[in-house]
Amino acid sequence: MKTVFGVALLAIALVPSVALAQEGSLMIRARGVYIGTADKSDAIGALGVPADAITVSKKLIPEVDITYFLGKHVAAELILTYPQKHDVEVSGTGIGSFKHLPPVLSLQYHFAPEATVRPYVGVGANLTIISSVDLAVPGVGALDLESTSVGVAAQGGLDIKLGPRVFLNADVKYVTLGSDVMLAASGTTVSAVKINPWLIGFGLGYRF
């Protein structure tokens, strides 16, 4: 009887620690992300601008992602940040800037969800909102961009378990993102830009 009572007390004592060790369905990560743009654009023959002469600045940004595990191996991830400003150049000469907000929603497969090192892959979609367009070419006038861009995203990454709920994360995404470049006065399309960034991120995650 004493033995049974002792085992029961031990089990009760262990319940809080077991609960703490259990991993919930929600993970939130904070990352620093490098945006590496593709800098691909159509030539503008009338202005003597060659192909790929329009470039969009690369930059480092903060990012938060929310991942919800639908099962042991499958999860959905939404990445969020605030509108990011990019400078634009034509053949090395600055012509202004614009902002974009690029949320990406991905469906992931986690290969080893209970291991210390947990690789995953994902595919998804992004709806980029383009705003605060301030572009102009001397002798040509103001330019405009499309207000939205819809594209696809591919992803690979891994989580490394540092503690019961804490993870180190490395993540790489390729996102298709582009826009027509138009004369603001007439709406005439003069070029098309493919930004198609690589998003390379490192950060920490906490699983609730």
N, C-alpha and C. Protein backbone atom coordinates (compact mmCIF):
# COMPACT_ATOMS: atom_id res chain seq x y z
N MET A 1 0.83 -1.19 0.00
CA MET A 1 0.00 0.00 0.00
C MET A 1 0.87 1.25 0.00
N LYS A 2 1.92 1.24 0.83
CA LYS A 2 2.84 2.37 0.87
C LYS A 2 3.51 2.57 -0.49
N THR A 3 3.83 1.43 -1.15
CA THR A 3 4.48 1.53 -2.46
C THR A 3 3.54 2.18 -3.48
N VAL A 4 2.28 1.75 -3.48
CA VAL A 4 1.30 2.32 -4.41
C VAL A 4 1.11 3.80 -4.15
N PHE A 5 1.04 4.16 -2.84
CA PHE A 5 0.85 5.55 -2.47
C PHE A 5 2.05 6.40 -2.92
N GLY A 6 3.24 5.83 -2.76
CA GLY A 6 4.46 6.54 -3.17
C GLY A 6 4.51 6.76 -4.66
N VAL A 7 4.12 5.74 -5.44
CA VAL A 7 4.09 5.87 -6.90
C VAL A 7 3.09 6.93 -7.32
N ALA A 8 1.93 6.95 -6.63
CA ALA A 8 0.90 7.95 -6.95
C ALA A 8 1.41 9.36 -6.69
N LEU A 9 2.09 9.55 -5.56
CA LEU A 9 2.65 10.87 -5.26
C LEU A 9 3.69 11.28 -6.29
N LEU A 10 4.52 10.35 -6.73
CA LEU A 10 5.54 10.64 -7.73
C LEU A 10 4.89 11.03 -9.05
N ALA A 11 3.83 10.33 -9.42
CA ALA A 11 3.13 10.64 -10.67
C ALA A 11 2.53 12.04 -10.63
N ILE A 12 1.94 12.39 -9.48
CA ILE A 12 1.36 13.73 -9.34
C ILE A 12 2.44 14.79 -9.44
N ALA A 13 3.58 14.52 -8.83
CA ALA A 13 4.69 15.48 -8.85
C ALA A 13 5.24 15.67 -10.25
N LEU A 14 5.18 14.63 -11.08
CA LEU A 14 5.74 14.70 -12.43
C LEU A 14 4.80 15.34 -13.43
N VAL A 15 3.52 15.44 -13.12
CA VAL A 15 2.55 15.97 -14.08
C VAL A 15 2.92 17.36 -14.59
N PRO A 16 3.29 18.33 -13.72
CA PRO A 16 3.64 19.65 -14.23
C PRO A 16 4.83 19.62 -15.18
N SER A 17 5.87 18.84 -14.85
CA SER A 17 7.05 18.81 -15.71
C SER A 17 6.75 18.15 -17.04
N VAL A 18 5.90 17.12 -17.03
CA VAL A 18 5.52 16.47 -18.29
C VAL A 18 4.73 17.43 -19.15
N ALA A 19 3.82 18.20 -18.51
CA ALA A 19 3.03 19.17 -19.25
C ALA A 19 3.91 20.24 -19.89
N LEU A 20 4.94 20.66 -19.13
CA LEU A 20 5.86 21.65 -19.67
C LEU A 20 6.63 21.12 -20.86
N ALA A 21 6.92 19.84 -20.89
CA ALA A 21 7.72 19.26 -21.96
C ALA A 21 6.89 19.01 -23.21
N GLN A 22 5.57 18.94 -23.08
CA GLN A 22 4.73 18.68 -24.24
C GLN A 22 4.75 19.88 -25.18
N GLU A 23 4.78 19.59 -26.48
CA GLU A 23 4.81 20.66 -27.47
C GLU A 23 3.41 20.85 -28.03
N GLY A 24 2.94 22.09 -28.03
CA GLY A 24 1.62 22.39 -28.54
C GLY A 24 1.61 22.50 -30.05
N SER A 25 0.46 22.91 -30.57
CA SER A 25 0.27 22.99 -32.02
C SER A 25 0.72 24.31 -32.62
N LEU A 26 1.00 25.31 -31.78
CA LEU A 26 1.33 26.64 -32.27
C LEU A 26 2.79 26.97 -32.04
N MET A 27 3.47 27.44 -33.09
CA MET A 27 4.85 27.92 -32.96
C MET A 27 4.93 29.33 -33.53
N ILE A 28 5.61 30.20 -32.81
CA ILE A 28 5.86 31.55 -33.29
C ILE A 28 7.37 31.76 -33.37
N ARG A 29 7.82 32.25 -34.53
CA ARG A 29 9.24 32.50 -34.73
C ARG A 29 9.47 33.98 -35.02
N ALA A 30 10.62 34.48 -34.59
CA ALA A 30 11.08 35.81 -34.96
C ALA A 30 12.39 35.64 -35.71
N ARG A 31 12.48 36.22 -36.90
CA ARG A 31 13.66 36.05 -37.74
C ARG A 31 14.19 37.39 -38.24
N GLY A 32 15.47 37.40 -38.54
CA GLY A 32 16.04 38.43 -39.39
C GLY A 32 16.12 37.84 -40.78
N VAL A 33 15.61 38.54 -41.78
CA VAL A 33 15.51 38.00 -43.14
C VAL A 33 16.22 38.92 -44.13
N TYR A 34 17.07 38.32 -44.96
CA TYR A 34 17.73 39.05 -46.04
C TYR A 34 16.91 38.87 -47.31
N ILE A 35 16.53 39.99 -47.93
CA ILE A 35 15.79 39.96 -49.19
C ILE A 35 16.78 40.17 -50.33
N GLY A 36 16.99 39.13 -51.13
CA GLY A 36 17.86 39.22 -52.29
C GLY A 36 17.04 39.25 -53.56
N THR A 37 16.97 40.39 -54.21
CA THR A 37 16.11 40.57 -55.38
C THR A 37 16.78 40.07 -56.65
N ALA A 38 15.95 39.68 -57.63
CA ALA A 38 16.47 39.09 -58.87
C ALA A 38 16.94 40.14 -59.86
N ASP A 39 16.35 41.35 -59.83
CA ASP A 39 16.72 42.45 -60.73
C ASP A 39 16.60 42.05 -62.20
N LYS A 40 15.44 41.55 -62.58
CA LYS A 40 15.15 41.23 -63.97
C LYS A 40 14.08 42.19 -64.49
N SER A 41 14.33 42.79 -65.65
CA SER A 41 13.35 43.72 -66.21
C SER A 41 13.42 43.71 -67.73
N ASP A 42 12.31 44.06 -68.35
CA ASP A 42 12.27 44.17 -69.81
C ASP A 42 12.98 45.45 -70.25
N ALA A 43 13.51 45.41 -71.46
CA ALA A 43 14.12 46.61 -72.04
C ALA A 43 13.04 47.64 -72.36
N ILE A 44 13.43 48.92 -72.34
CA ILE A 44 12.55 50.01 -72.75
C ILE A 44 13.19 50.63 -73.98
N GLY A 45 12.82 50.12 -75.14
CA GLY A 45 13.46 50.52 -76.39
C GLY A 45 13.36 51.99 -76.68
N ALA A 46 12.21 52.58 -76.41
CA ALA A 46 12.00 54.00 -76.73
C ALA A 46 12.90 54.91 -75.91
N LEU A 47 13.34 54.42 -74.76
CA LEU A 47 14.20 55.24 -73.90
C LEU A 47 15.65 54.77 -73.93
N GLY A 48 15.92 53.75 -74.72
CA GLY A 48 17.27 53.23 -74.78
C GLY A 48 17.72 52.52 -73.53
N VAL A 49 16.77 52.00 -72.76
CA VAL A 49 17.09 51.29 -71.52
C VAL A 49 17.18 49.79 -71.82
N PRO A 50 18.34 49.16 -71.56
CA PRO A 50 18.49 47.74 -71.88
C PRO A 50 17.76 46.84 -70.89
N ALA A 51 17.67 45.57 -71.22
CA ALA A 51 17.06 44.58 -70.32
C ALA A 51 17.85 44.50 -69.02
N ASP A 52 17.15 44.27 -67.94
CA ASP A 52 17.72 44.07 -66.60
C ASP A 52 18.43 45.31 -66.06
N ALA A 53 18.09 46.49 -66.60
CA ALA A 53 18.71 47.72 -66.12
C ALA A 53 18.00 48.28 -64.90
N ILE A 54 16.75 47.86 -64.66
CA ILE A 54 16.01 48.32 -63.50
C ILE A 54 16.34 47.41 -62.32
N THR A 55 16.87 47.98 -61.25
CA THR A 55 17.25 47.18 -60.09
C THR A 55 16.53 47.66 -58.84
N VAL A 56 16.22 46.72 -57.97
CA VAL A 56 15.52 46.99 -56.72
C VAL A 56 16.45 46.63 -55.57
N SER A 57 16.56 47.51 -54.59
CA SER A 57 17.55 47.34 -53.52
C SER A 57 17.30 46.09 -52.69
N LYS A 58 18.40 45.48 -52.28
CA LYS A 58 18.37 44.34 -51.36
C LYS A 58 18.44 44.88 -49.93
N LYS A 59 17.88 44.13 -48.97
CA LYS A 59 17.89 44.66 -47.61
C LYS A 59 17.65 43.55 -46.59
N LEU A 60 17.92 43.89 -45.32
CA LEU A 60 17.68 43.00 -44.19
C LEU A 60 16.48 43.52 -43.42
N ILE A 61 15.51 42.63 -43.12
CA ILE A 61 14.27 43.06 -42.46
C ILE A 61 13.95 42.14 -41.28
N PRO A 62 13.13 42.62 -40.33
CA PRO A 62 12.61 41.75 -39.27
C PRO A 62 11.35 41.06 -39.76
N GLU A 63 11.10 39.86 -39.26
CA GLU A 63 9.92 39.10 -39.69
C GLU A 63 9.41 38.25 -38.53
N VAL A 64 8.11 38.07 -38.48
CA VAL A 64 7.48 37.16 -37.53
C VAL A 64 6.66 36.15 -38.31
N ASP A 65 6.76 34.87 -37.95
CA ASP A 65 5.89 33.90 -38.60
C ASP A 65 5.11 33.12 -37.56
N ILE A 66 3.90 32.77 -37.95
CA ILE A 66 3.01 31.98 -37.10
C ILE A 66 2.78 30.64 -37.79
N THR A 67 3.15 29.56 -37.11
CA THR A 67 3.02 28.22 -37.68
C THR A 67 2.05 27.41 -36.82
N TYR A 68 1.07 26.80 -37.48
CA TYR A 68 0.11 25.95 -36.77
C TYR A 68 0.22 24.53 -37.30
N PHE A 69 0.48 23.59 -36.40
CA PHE A 69 0.63 22.19 -36.79
C PHE A 69 -0.73 21.53 -36.90
N LEU A 70 -1.07 21.11 -38.11
CA LEU A 70 -2.34 20.44 -38.38
C LEU A 70 -2.28 18.97 -37.99
N GLY A 71 -1.06 18.46 -37.85
CA GLY A 71 -0.80 17.09 -37.45
C GLY A 71 0.67 16.99 -37.08
N LYS A 72 1.16 15.79 -36.89
CA LYS A 72 2.56 15.62 -36.48
C LYS A 72 3.51 16.13 -37.55
N HIS A 73 3.19 15.87 -38.83
CA HIS A 73 4.11 16.20 -39.92
C HIS A 73 3.70 17.43 -40.72
N VAL A 74 2.44 17.82 -40.68
CA VAL A 74 1.93 18.86 -41.57
C VAL A 74 1.62 20.13 -40.78
N ALA A 75 2.04 21.28 -41.33
CA ALA A 75 1.80 22.56 -40.66
C ALA A 75 1.50 23.63 -41.70
N ALA A 76 0.85 24.69 -41.28
CA ALA A 76 0.61 25.86 -42.11
C ALA A 76 1.35 27.04 -41.49
N GLU A 77 2.05 27.81 -42.33
CA GLU A 77 2.85 28.93 -41.85
C GLU A 77 2.44 30.23 -42.54
N LEU A 78 2.28 31.29 -41.76
CA LEU A 78 2.03 32.63 -42.28
C LEU A 78 3.14 33.54 -41.82
N ILE A 79 3.84 34.18 -42.77
CA ILE A 79 4.90 35.12 -42.40
C ILE A 79 4.38 36.54 -42.52
N LEU A 80 4.78 37.38 -41.54
CA LEU A 80 4.28 38.75 -41.46
C LEU A 80 5.44 39.71 -41.22
N THR A 81 5.31 40.90 -41.78
CA THR A 81 6.22 42.00 -41.48
C THR A 81 5.47 43.29 -41.77
N TYR A 82 6.13 44.42 -41.66
CA TYR A 82 5.49 45.69 -42.00
C TYR A 82 5.93 46.09 -43.42
N PRO A 83 5.25 47.05 -44.07
CA PRO A 83 5.63 47.43 -45.45
C PRO A 83 7.11 47.82 -45.53
N GLN A 84 7.79 47.23 -46.50
CA GLN A 84 9.22 47.44 -46.65
C GLN A 84 9.51 48.39 -47.81
N LYS A 85 10.40 49.36 -47.56
CA LYS A 85 10.76 50.34 -48.58
C LYS A 85 11.96 49.85 -49.38
N HIS A 86 11.87 49.96 -50.71
CA HIS A 86 12.97 49.58 -51.59
C HIS A 86 13.30 50.75 -52.52
N ASP A 87 14.59 51.03 -52.66
CA ASP A 87 15.05 52.02 -53.63
C ASP A 87 15.16 51.37 -55.00
N VAL A 88 14.91 52.16 -56.04
CA VAL A 88 14.95 51.66 -57.41
C VAL A 88 15.95 52.47 -58.22
N GLU A 89 16.74 51.78 -59.04
CA GLU A 89 17.69 52.43 -59.93
C GLU A 89 17.49 51.96 -61.36
N VAL A 90 17.83 52.83 -62.30
CA VAL A 90 17.88 52.46 -63.71
C VAL A 90 19.29 52.73 -64.20
N SER A 91 19.98 51.67 -64.57
CA SER A 91 21.38 51.76 -65.03
C SER A 91 22.25 52.50 -64.03
N GLY A 92 21.99 52.25 -62.73
CA GLY A 92 22.82 52.82 -61.67
C GLY A 92 22.37 54.18 -61.17
N THR A 93 21.34 54.77 -61.79
CA THR A 93 20.85 56.07 -61.37
C THR A 93 19.54 55.91 -60.60
N GLY A 94 19.47 56.48 -59.40
CA GLY A 94 18.28 56.36 -58.59
C GLY A 94 17.09 57.08 -59.20
N ILE A 95 15.93 56.41 -59.21
CA ILE A 95 14.72 57.04 -59.75
C ILE A 95 13.60 57.09 -58.71
N GLY A 96 13.87 56.67 -57.47
CA GLY A 96 12.86 56.75 -56.44
C GLY A 96 12.73 55.48 -55.63
N SER A 97 11.53 55.25 -55.11
CA SER A 97 11.33 54.12 -54.21
C SER A 97 9.86 53.68 -54.22
N PHE A 98 9.61 52.54 -53.60
CA PHE A 98 8.25 52.06 -53.36
C PHE A 98 8.27 51.19 -52.11
N LYS A 99 7.08 50.87 -51.60
CA LYS A 99 6.97 49.96 -50.46
C LYS A 99 6.17 48.73 -50.88
N HIS A 100 6.50 47.59 -50.24
CA HIS A 100 5.70 46.40 -50.49
C HIS A 100 5.50 45.62 -49.20
N LEU A 101 4.32 45.01 -49.09
CA LEU A 101 3.98 44.16 -47.95
C LEU A 101 3.75 42.75 -48.50
N PRO A 102 4.66 41.79 -48.18
CA PRO A 102 4.63 40.50 -48.86
C PRO A 102 4.25 39.31 -47.97
N PRO A 103 3.02 39.24 -47.43
CA PRO A 103 2.68 38.05 -46.63
C PRO A 103 2.71 36.78 -47.47
N VAL A 104 3.22 35.71 -46.89
CA VAL A 104 3.30 34.41 -47.58
C VAL A 104 2.63 33.35 -46.70
N LEU A 105 1.73 32.59 -47.28
CA LEU A 105 1.08 31.49 -46.58
C LEU A 105 1.55 30.19 -47.22
N SER A 106 2.14 29.30 -46.41
CA SER A 106 2.72 28.05 -46.91
C SER A 106 2.16 26.84 -46.18
N LEU A 107 2.12 25.74 -46.89
CA LEU A 107 1.81 24.44 -46.29
C LEU A 107 3.11 23.66 -46.22
N GLN A 108 3.47 23.19 -45.02
CA GLN A 108 4.77 22.57 -44.79
C GLN A 108 4.65 21.08 -44.48
N TYR A 109 5.74 20.36 -44.81
CA TYR A 109 5.87 18.97 -44.36
C TYR A 109 7.14 18.88 -43.52
N HIS A 110 7.00 18.40 -42.28
CA HIS A 110 8.11 18.27 -41.34
C HIS A 110 8.53 16.79 -41.29
N PHE A 111 9.79 16.54 -41.66
CA PHE A 111 10.25 15.16 -41.83
C PHE A 111 10.49 14.43 -40.51
N ALA A 112 10.98 15.15 -39.51
CA ALA A 112 11.34 14.51 -38.23
C ALA A 112 10.80 15.35 -37.09
N PRO A 113 9.48 15.35 -36.86
CA PRO A 113 8.86 16.30 -35.93
C PRO A 113 9.20 16.10 -34.47
N GLU A 114 9.87 14.99 -34.12
CA GLU A 114 10.22 14.76 -32.72
C GLU A 114 11.72 14.70 -32.48
N ALA A 115 12.50 14.96 -33.53
CA ALA A 115 13.96 14.91 -33.42
C ALA A 115 14.51 16.24 -32.90
N THR A 116 15.80 16.25 -32.60
CA THR A 116 16.45 17.50 -32.20
C THR A 116 16.60 18.43 -33.39
N VAL A 117 16.98 17.87 -34.54
CA VAL A 117 17.08 18.64 -35.79
C VAL A 117 15.89 18.26 -36.67
N ARG A 118 15.08 19.25 -37.04
CA ARG A 118 13.80 18.98 -37.69
C ARG A 118 13.71 19.71 -39.03
N PRO A 119 14.11 19.08 -40.12
CA PRO A 119 14.01 19.72 -41.44
C PRO A 119 12.57 19.73 -41.95
N TYR A 120 12.28 20.71 -42.82
CA TYR A 120 10.95 20.80 -43.42
C TYR A 120 11.04 21.44 -44.80
N VAL A 121 10.02 21.21 -45.60
CA VAL A 121 9.85 21.87 -46.88
C VAL A 121 8.43 22.43 -46.94
N GLY A 122 8.23 23.38 -47.84
CA GLY A 122 6.90 23.96 -47.94
C GLY A 122 6.65 24.58 -49.30
N VAL A 123 5.39 24.70 -49.65
CA VAL A 123 4.97 25.42 -50.85
C VAL A 123 3.80 26.32 -50.45
N GLY A 124 3.67 27.45 -51.15
CA GLY A 124 2.61 28.34 -50.77
C GLY A 124 2.37 29.43 -51.79
N ALA A 125 1.71 30.49 -51.34
CA ALA A 125 1.35 31.60 -52.20
C ALA A 125 1.57 32.91 -51.46
N ASN A 126 1.79 33.96 -52.23
CA ASN A 126 1.93 35.29 -51.62
C ASN A 126 1.07 36.30 -52.36
N LEU A 127 0.50 37.23 -51.62
CA LEU A 127 -0.22 38.37 -52.18
C LEU A 127 0.53 39.61 -51.72
N THR A 128 1.30 40.19 -52.62
CA THR A 128 2.12 41.35 -52.28
C THR A 128 1.34 42.63 -52.56
N ILE A 129 1.28 43.52 -51.59
CA ILE A 129 0.61 44.81 -51.73
C ILE A 129 1.68 45.88 -51.92
N ILE A 130 1.63 46.57 -53.04
CA ILE A 130 2.61 47.60 -53.38
C ILE A 130 2.00 48.97 -53.13
N SER A 131 2.74 49.83 -52.41
CA SER A 131 2.21 51.14 -52.03
C SER A 131 3.33 52.17 -52.03
N SER A 132 2.96 53.42 -51.77
CA SER A 132 3.91 54.54 -51.64
C SER A 132 4.89 54.58 -52.81
N VAL A 133 4.36 54.45 -54.02
CA VAL A 133 5.21 54.47 -55.22
C VAL A 133 5.64 55.91 -55.49
N ASP A 134 6.94 56.14 -55.52
CA ASP A 134 7.49 57.47 -55.77
C ASP A 134 8.65 57.30 -56.76
N LEU A 135 8.29 57.14 -58.03
CA LEU A 135 9.27 56.88 -59.08
C LEU A 135 9.11 57.89 -60.20
N ALA A 136 10.23 58.37 -60.72
CA ALA A 136 10.19 59.33 -61.83
C ALA A 136 11.50 59.27 -62.59
N VAL A 137 11.42 59.40 -63.92
CA VAL A 137 12.60 59.44 -64.78
C VAL A 137 12.65 60.82 -65.45
N PRO A 138 13.77 61.54 -65.31
CA PRO A 138 13.87 62.86 -65.93
C PRO A 138 13.59 62.79 -67.44
N GLY A 139 12.77 63.70 -67.92
CA GLY A 139 12.43 63.72 -69.34
C GLY A 139 11.31 62.78 -69.73
N VAL A 140 10.94 61.90 -68.82
CA VAL A 140 9.86 60.93 -69.09
C VAL A 140 8.66 61.22 -68.21
N GLY A 141 8.91 61.46 -66.92
CA GLY A 141 7.84 61.73 -65.99
C GLY A 141 7.71 60.68 -64.92
N ALA A 142 6.63 60.78 -64.18
CA ALA A 142 6.39 59.86 -63.06
C ALA A 142 6.01 58.48 -63.57
N LEU A 143 6.45 57.47 -62.83
CA LEU A 143 6.13 56.08 -63.15
C LEU A 143 5.26 55.49 -62.04
N ASP A 144 4.53 54.44 -62.37
CA ASP A 144 3.68 53.78 -61.39
C ASP A 144 3.89 52.27 -61.49
N LEU A 145 3.47 51.56 -60.45
CA LEU A 145 3.53 50.11 -60.40
C LEU A 145 2.14 49.57 -60.11
N GLU A 146 1.91 48.29 -60.44
CA GLU A 146 0.66 47.65 -60.07
C GLU A 146 0.53 47.61 -58.55
N SER A 147 -0.69 47.68 -58.06
CA SER A 147 -0.91 47.75 -56.61
C SER A 147 -0.77 46.39 -55.92
N THR A 148 -0.91 45.30 -56.67
CA THR A 148 -0.79 43.96 -56.08
C THR A 148 -0.03 43.04 -57.01
N SER A 149 0.54 42.00 -56.41
CA SER A 149 1.22 40.95 -57.16
C SER A 149 0.92 39.62 -56.49
N VAL A 150 0.44 38.66 -57.26
CA VAL A 150 0.15 37.32 -56.74
C VAL A 150 1.20 36.35 -57.29
N GLY A 151 1.78 35.55 -56.42
CA GLY A 151 2.81 34.61 -56.86
C GLY A 151 2.85 33.37 -56.01
N VAL A 152 3.79 32.50 -56.32
CA VAL A 152 3.97 31.27 -55.56
C VAL A 152 5.26 31.34 -54.77
N ALA A 153 5.38 30.45 -53.79
CA ALA A 153 6.57 30.42 -52.93
C ALA A 153 6.98 28.97 -52.68
N ALA A 154 8.29 28.75 -52.66
CA ALA A 154 8.85 27.45 -52.28
C ALA A 154 9.79 27.67 -51.11
N GLN A 155 9.86 26.69 -50.21
CA GLN A 155 10.53 26.89 -48.94
C GLN A 155 11.26 25.64 -48.48
N GLY A 156 12.38 25.85 -47.79
CA GLY A 156 13.08 24.78 -47.11
C GLY A 156 13.71 25.33 -45.85
N GLY A 157 13.76 24.53 -44.80
CA GLY A 157 14.34 25.03 -43.56
C GLY A 157 14.49 23.95 -42.53
N LEU A 158 14.94 24.35 -41.36
CA LEU A 158 15.03 23.39 -40.25
C LEU A 158 14.94 24.11 -38.92
N ASP A 159 14.39 23.41 -37.96
CA ASP A 159 14.35 23.85 -36.57
C ASP A 159 15.29 22.97 -35.75
N ILE A 160 16.09 23.59 -34.91
CA ILE A 160 17.00 22.85 -34.02
C ILE A 160 16.54 23.10 -32.59
N LYS A 161 16.18 22.03 -31.90
CA LYS A 161 15.63 22.15 -30.56
C LYS A 161 16.72 22.53 -29.57
N LEU A 162 16.51 23.65 -28.87
CA LEU A 162 17.46 24.12 -27.86
C LEU A 162 16.98 23.83 -26.45
N GLY A 163 15.67 23.67 -26.28
CA GLY A 163 15.08 23.42 -24.98
C GLY A 163 13.70 22.82 -25.16
N PRO A 164 12.94 22.65 -24.07
CA PRO A 164 11.62 22.00 -24.18
C PRO A 164 10.71 22.65 -25.21
N ARG A 165 10.78 23.99 -25.37
CA ARG A 165 9.88 24.66 -26.30
C ARG A 165 10.61 25.66 -27.21
N VAL A 166 11.92 25.77 -27.08
CA VAL A 166 12.69 26.79 -27.78
C VAL A 166 13.49 26.17 -28.92
N PHE A 167 13.48 26.85 -30.10
CA PHE A 167 14.13 26.31 -31.29
C PHE A 167 14.94 27.40 -31.99
N LEU A 168 16.08 26.98 -32.54
CA LEU A 168 16.84 27.81 -33.47
C LEU A 168 16.33 27.47 -34.87
N ASN A 169 16.10 28.49 -35.69
CA ASN A 169 15.52 28.26 -37.00
C ASN A 169 16.36 28.87 -38.11
N ALA A 170 16.47 28.13 -39.22
CA ALA A 170 17.05 28.63 -40.46
C ALA A 170 16.06 28.33 -41.57
N ASP A 171 15.82 29.30 -42.46
CA ASP A 171 14.75 29.16 -43.44
C ASP A 171 15.13 29.89 -44.73
N VAL A 172 14.81 29.26 -45.86
CA VAL A 172 15.04 29.88 -47.17
C VAL A 172 13.76 29.76 -47.99
N LYS A 173 13.34 30.88 -48.58
CA LYS A 173 12.17 30.89 -49.46
C LYS A 173 12.53 31.53 -50.80
N TYR A 174 11.88 31.05 -51.86
CA TYR A 174 11.94 31.72 -53.16
C TYR A 174 10.52 32.13 -53.51
N VAL A 175 10.33 33.41 -53.77
CA VAL A 175 8.99 33.95 -54.00
C VAL A 175 8.93 34.62 -55.36
N THR A 176 7.90 34.31 -56.14
CA THR A 176 7.72 35.01 -57.41
C THR A 176 6.92 36.28 -57.16
N LEU A 177 7.51 37.40 -57.58
CA LEU A 177 6.92 38.71 -57.31
C LEU A 177 7.33 39.63 -58.45
N GLY A 178 6.37 40.27 -59.08
CA GLY A 178 6.68 41.17 -60.19
C GLY A 178 5.62 42.21 -60.39
N SER A 179 5.90 43.17 -61.27
CA SER A 179 4.94 44.23 -61.54
C SER A 179 5.23 44.86 -62.90
N ASP A 180 4.18 45.30 -63.57
CA ASP A 180 4.37 46.16 -64.74
C ASP A 180 4.78 47.55 -64.29
N VAL A 181 5.62 48.20 -65.11
CA VAL A 181 6.01 49.59 -64.87
C VAL A 181 5.27 50.45 -65.88
N MET A 182 4.52 51.44 -65.37
CA MET A 182 3.64 52.22 -66.23
C MET A 182 3.93 53.71 -66.11
N LEU A 183 3.61 54.46 -67.17
CA LEU A 183 3.63 55.91 -67.09
C LEU A 183 2.44 56.35 -66.24
N ALA A 184 2.71 57.10 -65.19
CA ALA A 184 1.64 57.49 -64.26
C ALA A 184 0.57 58.32 -64.95
N ALA A 185 0.95 59.17 -65.90
CA ALA A 185 0.00 60.07 -66.54
C ALA A 185 -0.99 59.34 -67.44
N SER A 186 -0.52 58.32 -68.16
CA SER A 186 -1.37 57.66 -69.15
C SER A 186 -1.72 56.22 -68.81
N GLY A 187 -0.96 55.61 -67.89
CA GLY A 187 -1.17 54.20 -67.58
C GLY A 187 -0.55 53.26 -68.59
N THR A 188 0.21 53.78 -69.54
CA THR A 188 0.85 52.95 -70.56
C THR A 188 1.99 52.15 -69.96
N THR A 189 2.00 50.84 -70.21
CA THR A 189 3.06 49.97 -69.69
C THR A 189 4.32 50.16 -70.52
N VAL A 190 5.44 50.44 -69.84
CA VAL A 190 6.71 50.64 -70.53
C VAL A 190 7.71 49.54 -70.24
N SER A 191 7.49 48.77 -69.16
CA SER A 191 8.41 47.68 -68.84
C SER A 191 7.72 46.76 -67.83
N ALA A 192 8.37 45.65 -67.54
CA ALA A 192 7.91 44.73 -66.50
C ALA A 192 9.11 44.33 -65.66
N VAL A 193 8.94 44.36 -64.36
CA VAL A 193 10.03 44.05 -63.44
C VAL A 193 9.71 42.75 -62.71
N LYS A 194 10.71 41.86 -62.65
CA LYS A 194 10.59 40.64 -61.85
C LYS A 194 11.52 40.77 -60.65
N ILE A 195 10.94 40.91 -59.46
CA ILE A 195 11.75 41.04 -58.25
C ILE A 195 12.16 39.67 -57.74
N ASN A 196 11.24 38.70 -57.77
CA ASN A 196 11.48 37.29 -57.45
C ASN A 196 12.55 37.11 -56.37
N PRO A 197 12.29 37.54 -55.15
CA PRO A 197 13.36 37.53 -54.14
C PRO A 197 13.62 36.15 -53.52
N TRP A 198 14.86 35.95 -53.11
CA TRP A 198 15.22 34.90 -52.17
C TRP A 198 15.13 35.51 -50.77
N LEU A 199 14.43 34.84 -49.88
CA LEU A 199 14.30 35.28 -48.49
C LEU A 199 15.08 34.32 -47.61
N ILE A 200 16.18 34.78 -47.07
CA ILE A 200 17.08 33.94 -46.27
C ILE A 200 17.01 34.40 -44.83
N GLY A 201 16.48 33.54 -43.95
CA GLY A 201 16.21 33.97 -42.59
C GLY A 201 16.83 33.09 -41.51
N PHE A 202 17.16 33.72 -40.38
CA PHE A 202 17.66 33.02 -39.19
C PHE A 202 16.96 33.64 -37.97
N GLY A 203 16.58 32.79 -37.01
CA GLY A 203 15.93 33.32 -35.84
C GLY A 203 15.64 32.28 -34.79
N LEU A 204 14.75 32.63 -33.87
CA LEU A 204 14.36 31.75 -32.77
C LEU A 204 12.85 31.53 -32.81
N GLY A 205 12.44 30.34 -32.37
CA GLY A 205 11.02 30.01 -32.30
C GLY A 205 10.65 29.49 -30.94
N TYR A 206 9.38 29.68 -30.58
CA TYR A 206 8.83 29.16 -29.33
C TYR A 206 7.56 28.41 -29.65
N ARG A 207 7.46 27.17 -29.18
CA ARG A 207 6.28 26.36 -29.46
C ARG A 207 5.38 26.29 -28.23
N PHE A 208 4.16 26.74 -28.39
CA PHE A 208 3.20 26.82 -27.28
C PHE A 208 2.44 25.50 -27.11
